[in-house]
């Protein structure tokens, strides 16, 4: 492909890449060209180009601005290179804690990027503050070189505190739950201006301020078992609910004097205190809701496990025939209870 790009004269060098920023001549959009310097960088550039192709295959309407786009590349030369969009600056270099609305937008944009990658059968695998950009309005997730297919072993060589705990089988597989864990860690770090920590430490910090907006938003994100982490859709609903919360505070209520930020909201007149009968009614409603949640928890876990297993099997096969057989098998399994009911009715209905 041929794209007219105006590159800056300055270059920066890392162990793996030569980096050069520029702009698309047609739109002025900021881009980054990464030219390899090592054999390992060759692998990363090839992986990023392949990931871009898989996302582009979803269609233009499915490629969100929250993900960097592969604009140009050359994998045939001695020093392969790739050009991707690069909108904003890394959140790792942003001074001070972000405002609540900013933090919620960053989290929502990361979840949107994770959801798109999952639709392409991929996981990012290296969601770090250095690879999350912020331009003042939206976040963009860059650096797709560590992306791997759903269900494959996670291969990014990261600091252990950024790696989620392995699953019950002792393996650390690339799944949506893997990306959710890292996105939650980014939000945790920039919200509290603290370095990353292992899962038990983060859970303890959030539990110490149970009931705060941040604790509610990230509830379950750092679970040891990937199957117990909330999925992207649930987290996006939490983000929308959190936008209407009047206060955002740190997990530790003792720090609320310096960490509390009030979000403007519409004035509502004070309500009269509820009567004892209404308080009792609310208590019974809450108890009934908790009972239903407890009863439905095993079914919810089983459904998430079955859906995750189907996704792994689906995206691990490229042949159309295999996917048709897998879909047919799923329909047969789902229809077995109905077939059993029909058999019982036809067999004993006339007796």
Protein backbone atom coordinates (compact mmCIF):
# COMPACT_ATOMS: atom_id res chain seq x y z
CA UNK A 1 0.00 0.00 0.00
CA UNK A 2 1.12 3.59 -0.58
CA UNK A 3 0.14 6.26 1.93
CA UNK A 4 1.40 9.84 1.95
CA UNK A 5 2.84 10.44 5.41
CA UNK A 6 4.82 13.45 6.57
CA UNK A 7 7.34 12.24 9.17
CA UNK A 8 9.06 14.35 11.79
CA UNK A 9 12.84 14.60 11.44
CA UNK A 10 13.50 13.47 15.02
CA UNK A 11 13.86 9.78 15.79
CA UNK A 12 14.01 7.83 19.02
CA UNK A 13 15.67 4.48 19.58
CA UNK A 14 14.83 1.62 21.92
CA UNK A 15 16.37 -1.81 22.31
CA UNK A 16 13.99 -3.22 19.71
CA UNK A 17 12.78 -0.36 17.51
CA UNK A 18 13.63 2.85 15.80
CA UNK A 19 10.63 5.13 16.39
CA UNK A 20 9.54 8.04 14.19
CA UNK A 21 6.34 10.04 14.52
CA UNK A 22 4.47 11.73 11.68
CA UNK A 23 1.08 12.73 10.31
CA UNK A 24 -1.14 11.49 7.52
CA UNK A 25 -1.05 14.14 4.79
CA UNK A 26 -4.73 13.63 3.96
CA UNK A 27 -6.22 13.89 7.47
CA UNK A 28 -3.45 15.16 9.76
CA UNK A 29 -3.90 12.13 12.02
CA UNK A 30 -0.84 11.33 14.14
CA UNK A 31 1.01 8.09 13.31
CA UNK A 32 4.03 6.15 14.55
CA UNK A 33 6.47 4.15 12.42
CA UNK A 34 8.31 1.33 14.17
CA UNK A 35 11.36 -0.04 12.33
CA UNK A 36 12.89 -3.22 13.68
CA UNK A 37 16.39 -3.42 15.11
CA UNK A 38 16.40 -7.01 16.42
CA UNK A 39 15.10 -10.42 15.40
CA UNK A 40 12.56 -10.35 18.24
CA UNK A 41 11.24 -7.03 16.90
CA UNK A 42 10.65 -8.76 13.54
CA UNK A 43 8.20 -11.10 15.28
CA UNK A 44 6.38 -8.21 16.95
CA UNK A 45 5.97 -6.27 13.69
CA UNK A 46 4.67 -9.35 11.85
CA UNK A 47 2.20 -10.01 14.71
CA UNK A 48 0.98 -6.41 14.66
CA UNK A 49 0.40 -6.44 10.91
CA UNK A 50 -1.48 -9.75 11.13
CA UNK A 51 -3.61 -8.44 14.00
CA UNK A 52 -4.46 -5.36 11.95
CA UNK A 53 -5.57 -7.53 9.04
CA UNK A 54 -7.88 -9.57 11.28
CA UNK A 55 -9.47 -6.42 12.70
CA UNK A 56 -9.85 -4.81 9.26
CA UNK A 57 -11.58 -8.04 8.13
CA UNK A 58 -14.41 -7.25 10.56
CA UNK A 59 -15.33 -4.27 8.36
CA UNK A 60 -14.68 -0.55 8.62
CA UNK A 61 -17.65 0.00 10.91
CA UNK A 62 -16.20 -2.52 13.39
CA UNK A 63 -12.79 -0.83 13.70
CA UNK A 64 -13.22 1.58 16.61
CA UNK A 65 -10.99 4.62 17.18
CA UNK A 66 -10.13 3.14 20.58
CA UNK A 67 -7.73 0.76 18.77
CA UNK A 68 -4.69 1.81 16.77
CA UNK A 69 -5.02 1.11 13.03
CA UNK A 70 -2.32 -0.38 10.84
CA UNK A 71 -1.82 2.23 8.09
CA UNK A 72 1.24 0.97 6.19
CA UNK A 73 3.89 -1.73 6.51
CA UNK A 74 6.78 -3.48 4.79
CA UNK A 75 7.66 -6.99 5.92
CA UNK A 76 9.93 -7.89 3.00
CA UNK A 77 13.04 -5.82 3.70
CA UNK A 78 15.94 -6.50 6.02
CA UNK A 79 14.39 -4.16 8.58
CA UNK A 80 10.60 -4.63 8.52
CA UNK A 81 8.49 -1.71 9.69
CA UNK A 82 4.87 -0.87 10.46
CA UNK A 83 2.98 2.43 10.67
CA UNK A 84 0.03 2.70 13.06
CA UNK A 85 -2.15 5.54 14.29
CA UNK A 86 -0.98 7.10 17.53
CA UNK A 87 -3.56 9.48 19.01
CA UNK A 88 -2.58 11.18 22.26
CA UNK A 89 0.06 10.63 24.93
CA UNK A 90 0.55 7.63 27.25
CA UNK A 91 -1.46 7.83 30.46
CA UNK A 92 1.72 6.79 32.28
CA UNK A 93 3.10 10.29 31.70
CA UNK A 94 -0.05 12.25 32.63
CA UNK A 95 0.49 14.42 35.74
CA UNK A 96 -1.82 13.91 38.70
CA UNK A 97 -4.87 11.71 39.13
CA UNK A 98 -7.48 12.03 36.36
CA UNK A 99 -10.95 13.37 36.95
CA UNK A 100 -13.67 10.77 37.48
CA UNK A 101 -15.21 11.32 34.05
CA UNK A 102 -11.78 10.97 32.44
CA UNK A 103 -11.09 7.73 34.30
CA UNK A 104 -14.46 6.26 33.35
CA UNK A 105 -13.95 7.20 29.69
CA UNK A 106 -10.49 5.58 29.67
CA UNK A 107 -11.90 2.38 31.15
CA UNK A 108 -14.86 2.32 28.75
CA UNK A 109 -12.58 2.89 25.76
CA UNK A 110 -10.27 0.07 26.87
CA UNK A 111 -13.25 -2.25 27.22
CA UNK A 112 -14.44 -1.31 23.73
CA UNK A 113 -10.99 -2.12 22.34
CA UNK A 114 -10.94 -5.46 24.19
CA UNK A 115 -14.39 -6.34 22.85
CA UNK A 116 -13.32 -5.61 19.25
CA UNK A 117 -10.16 -7.69 19.62
CA UNK A 118 -12.25 -10.57 20.99
CA UNK A 119 -14.56 -10.39 17.94
CA UNK A 120 -11.45 -10.80 15.79
CA UNK A 121 -10.42 -13.82 17.89
CA UNK A 122 -7.55 -11.94 19.57
CA UNK A 123 -6.39 -10.73 22.95
CA UNK A 124 -4.03 -7.79 23.41
CA UNK A 125 -1.95 -9.36 26.15
CA UNK A 126 0.07 -6.26 27.09
CA UNK A 127 -2.33 -3.53 28.26
CA UNK A 128 0.07 -1.24 30.13
CA UNK A 129 -0.06 2.51 30.89
CA UNK A 130 2.65 3.08 28.25
CA UNK A 131 0.35 1.61 25.58
CA UNK A 132 -2.84 3.44 26.61
CA UNK A 133 -2.97 6.91 25.01
CA UNK A 134 -5.17 9.84 26.04
CA UNK A 135 -5.86 12.85 23.84
CA UNK A 136 -8.17 14.73 26.18
CA UNK A 137 -11.35 13.14 24.85
CA UNK A 138 -10.78 9.43 24.34
CA UNK A 139 -8.26 6.68 24.96
CA UNK A 140 -6.54 4.60 22.32
CA UNK A 141 -4.93 1.20 22.86
CA UNK A 142 -1.75 0.76 20.79
CA UNK A 143 1.02 -1.82 20.32
CA UNK A 144 -0.68 -4.92 18.93
CA UNK A 145 2.59 -6.82 18.59
CA UNK A 146 1.88 -9.05 21.60
CA UNK A 147 -1.65 -9.92 20.44
CA UNK A 148 -2.35 -13.66 20.33
CA UNK A 149 -5.36 -15.77 19.43
CA UNK A 150 -7.94 -16.50 22.10
CA UNK A 151 -7.05 -19.68 23.96
CA UNK A 152 -3.33 -19.63 23.19
CA UNK A 153 -0.73 -19.27 25.96
CA UNK A 154 -0.06 -15.63 26.83
CA UNK A 155 3.46 -14.87 25.60
CA UNK A 156 4.11 -11.23 26.49
CA UNK A 157 7.23 -10.95 28.66
CA UNK A 158 5.83 -8.56 31.27
CA UNK A 159 6.64 -7.71 34.86
CA UNK A 160 4.89 -10.36 37.04
CA UNK A 161 2.66 -7.73 38.68
CA UNK A 162 1.03 -7.09 35.29
CA UNK A 163 0.35 -10.78 34.70
CA UNK A 164 -2.99 -12.11 35.96
CA UNK A 165 -2.91 -15.26 38.10
CA UNK A 166 -2.95 -18.54 36.13
CA UNK A 167 -6.19 -20.46 35.76
CA UNK A 168 -7.23 -23.48 37.84
CA UNK A 169 -5.21 -25.72 35.49
CA UNK A 170 -2.05 -23.73 36.18
CA UNK A 171 -1.98 -22.22 32.68
CA UNK A 172 -2.09 -18.54 31.83
CA UNK A 173 -4.16 -18.50 28.64
CA UNK A 174 -4.96 -15.52 26.47
CA UNK A 175 -8.65 -14.77 27.00
CA UNK A 176 -10.88 -11.74 27.36
CA UNK A 177 -10.52 -12.14 31.14
CA UNK A 178 -6.74 -11.71 30.73
CA UNK A 179 -7.22 -8.33 29.03
CA UNK A 180 -9.91 -7.29 31.53
CA UNK A 181 -7.46 -7.90 34.39
CA UNK A 182 -4.77 -5.71 32.82
CA UNK A 183 -7.22 -2.94 31.90
CA UNK A 184 -8.47 -2.94 35.49
CA UNK A 185 -4.89 -2.68 36.73
CA UNK A 186 -4.29 0.37 34.51
CA UNK A 187 -7.41 2.04 35.95
CA UNK A 188 -6.37 1.12 39.50
CA UNK A 189 -2.88 2.58 39.04
CA UNK A 190 -3.85 5.88 37.43
CA UNK A 191 -6.85 6.42 39.73
CA UNK A 192 -4.78 6.10 42.89
CA UNK A 193 -1.43 7.18 41.42
CA UNK A 194 0.12 3.98 42.70
CA UNK A 195 2.34 1.32 41.12
CA UNK A 196 0.83 -2.03 40.10
CA UNK A 197 0.64 -4.87 42.61
CA UNK A 198 -0.27 -8.53 42.68
CA UNK A 199 -3.91 -9.61 42.74
CA UNK A 200 -4.22 -10.26 46.52
CA UNK A 201 -2.73 -6.85 47.34
CA UNK A 202 -5.09 -5.03 44.97
CA UNK A 203 -8.11 -6.95 46.23
CA UNK A 204 -7.20 -6.08 49.82
CA UNK A 205 -6.80 -2.39 48.93
CA UNK A 206 -10.18 -2.29 47.22
CA UNK A 207 -11.90 -4.24 50.00
CA UNK A 208 -10.48 -1.81 52.58
CA UNK A 209 -12.71 0.84 51.07
CA UNK A 210 -15.65 -1.39 50.24
CA UNK A 211 -18.56 0.57 48.83
CA UNK A 212 -16.48 3.27 47.19
CA UNK A 213 -17.04 3.96 43.49
CA UNK A 214 -13.67 2.51 42.50
CA UNK A 215 -14.23 -0.67 44.55
CA UNK A 216 -17.63 -1.15 42.95
CA UNK A 217 -16.34 -0.50 39.45
CA UNK A 218 -13.48 -3.04 39.73
CA UNK A 219 -15.32 -5.65 41.82
CA UNK A 220 -14.20 -9.11 40.68
CA UNK A 221 -11.76 -7.84 38.05
CA UNK A 222 -8.77 -9.17 40.01
CA UNK A 223 -10.23 -12.60 40.82
CA UNK A 224 -7.73 -15.46 40.72
CA UNK A 225 -9.98 -17.63 38.57
CA UNK A 226 -10.46 -16.03 35.11
CA UNK A 227 -13.99 -17.43 34.99
CA UNK A 228 -14.96 -15.33 38.02
CA UNK A 229 -13.97 -12.01 36.45
CA UNK A 230 -16.79 -9.89 35.03
CA UNK A 231 -17.08 -9.77 31.26
CA UNK A 232 -16.80 -6.66 29.13
CA UNK A 233 -20.55 -6.12 28.82
CA UNK A 234 -21.07 -6.12 32.61
CA UNK A 235 -18.16 -3.73 33.12
CA UNK A 236 -19.51 -1.33 30.49
CA UNK A 237 -22.83 -1.29 32.36
CA UNK A 238 -20.95 -0.48 35.56
CA UNK A 239 -19.21 2.42 33.83
CA UNK A 240 -22.54 3.88 32.74
CA UNK A 241 -23.95 3.49 36.25
CA UNK A 242 -20.85 5.11 37.77
CA UNK A 243 -21.30 8.20 35.60
CA UNK A 244 -24.33 9.08 37.73
CA UNK A 245 -22.56 8.62 41.08
CA UNK A 246 -22.20 11.95 42.93
CA UNK A 247 -18.79 11.16 44.53
CA UNK A 248 -15.63 9.38 43.49
CA UNK A 249 -13.22 8.54 46.26
CA UNK A 250 -10.20 6.38 46.91
CA UNK A 251 -10.70 2.90 48.40
CA UNK A 252 -9.46 4.11 51.80
CA UNK A 253 -12.11 6.36 53.40
CA UNK A 254 -9.34 7.90 55.54
CA UNK A 255 -7.87 9.47 52.38
CA UNK A 256 -11.19 10.94 51.24
CA UNK A 257 -10.20 14.48 52.25
CA UNK A 258 -7.58 14.57 49.48
CA UNK A 259 -8.95 12.04 47.02
CA UNK A 260 -12.65 12.93 46.89
CA UNK A 261 -13.89 14.68 43.75
CA UNK A 262 -17.49 15.83 43.56
CA UNK A 263 -19.25 15.39 40.23
CA UNK A 264 -21.93 18.02 39.54
CA UNK A 265 -25.44 16.63 39.44
CA UNK A 266 -28.91 18.01 39.14
CA UNK A 267 -30.46 19.32 42.34
CA UNK A 268 -33.00 17.05 44.00
CA UNK A 269 -35.11 18.22 46.97
CA UNK A 270 -34.50 16.36 50.23
CA UNK A 271 -36.83 13.44 50.82
CA UNK A 272 -38.69 12.77 54.03
CA UNK A 273 -37.37 9.87 56.11
CA UNK A 274 -38.97 6.55 55.27
CA UNK A 275 -41.49 5.01 57.64
CA UNK A 276 -40.63 1.81 59.56
CA UNK A 277 -42.99 -0.17 57.32
CA UNK A 278 -41.24 1.07 54.18
CA UNK A 279 -37.81 0.31 55.70
CA UNK A 280 -38.97 -3.24 56.45
CA UNK A 281 -40.31 -3.57 52.90
CA UNK A 282 -36.96 -2.45 51.48
CA UNK A 283 -35.15 -4.93 53.71
CA UNK A 284 -37.32 -7.79 52.48
CA UNK A 285 -36.82 -6.74 48.83
CA UNK A 286 -33.04 -6.62 49.33
CA UNK A 287 -33.05 -10.03 51.02
CA UNK A 288 -35.10 -11.52 48.18
CA UNK A 289 -32.74 -10.02 45.59
CA UNK A 290 -29.69 -11.44 47.41
CA UNK A 291 -31.37 -14.86 47.61
CA UNK A 292 -32.06 -14.85 43.86
CA UNK A 293 -28.48 -13.84 43.12
CA UNK A 294 -27.14 -16.67 45.27
CA UNK A 295 -29.46 -19.18 43.58
CA UNK A 296 -28.49 -17.99 40.09
CA UNK A 297 -24.73 -17.84 40.76
CA UNK A 298 -23.99 -21.49 39.77
CA UNK A 299 -25.98 -21.14 36.55
CA UNK A 300 -24.21 -17.88 35.72
CA UNK A 301 -20.78 -19.48 36.26
CA UNK A 302 -21.76 -22.48 34.14
CA UNK A 303 -23.05 -20.24 31.36
CA UNK A 304 -19.84 -18.15 31.34
CA UNK A 305 -17.76 -21.33 31.23
CA UNK A 306 -19.79 -22.80 28.34
CA UNK A 307 -19.68 -19.54 26.41
CA UNK A 308 -15.92 -19.18 26.96
CA UNK A 309 -15.32 -22.79 25.86
CA UNK A 310 -17.38 -22.24 22.71
CA UNK A 311 -15.45 -19.05 21.90
CA UNK A 312 -12.11 -20.83 22.30
CA UNK A 313 -13.20 -23.71 20.06
CA UNK A 314 -14.74 -21.33 17.50
CA UNK A 315 -11.76 -18.98 17.12
CA UNK A 316 -9.20 -21.80 17.20
CA UNK A 317 -10.56 -23.14 13.87
CA UNK A 318 -10.22 -21.36 10.58
CA UNK A 319 -11.98 -23.91 8.35
CA UNK A 320 -15.61 -23.15 7.53
CA UNK A 321 -16.53 -26.83 7.76
CA UNK A 322 -15.18 -27.05 11.32
CA UNK A 323 -17.18 -24.01 12.37
CA UNK A 324 -20.35 -25.44 10.78
CA UNK A 325 -19.87 -28.72 12.67
CA UNK A 326 -19.19 -26.86 15.90
CA UNK A 327 -22.33 -24.73 15.46
CA UNK A 328 -24.42 -27.79 14.66
CA UNK A 329 -23.07 -29.57 17.73
CA UNK A 330 -23.93 -26.60 19.93
CA UNK A 331 -27.49 -26.53 18.55
CA UNK A 332 -27.89 -30.26 19.21
CA UNK A 333 -26.67 -29.92 22.81
CA UNK A 334 -28.91 -26.91 23.42
CA UNK A 335 -31.89 -28.74 21.94
CA UNK A 336 -31.51 -31.99 23.92
CA UNK A 337 -33.79 -30.88 26.81
CA UNK A 338 -36.51 -29.90 24.33
CA UNK A 339 -36.17 -33.20 22.46
CA UNK A 340 -36.45 -35.08 25.77
CA UNK A 341 -39.66 -33.23 26.66
CA UNK A 342 -41.13 -33.96 23.21
CA UNK A 343 -40.21 -37.65 23.57
CA UNK A 344 -41.84 -37.93 27.01
CA UNK A 345 -45.01 -36.18 25.81
CA UNK A 346 -45.35 -38.33 22.68
CA UNK A 347 -44.47 -41.54 24.52
CA UNK A 348 -46.62 -41.20 27.58
CA UNK A 349 -49.03 -38.46 26.62
CA UNK A 350 -51.69 -40.84 25.42
CA UNK A 351 -51.49 -43.13 28.43
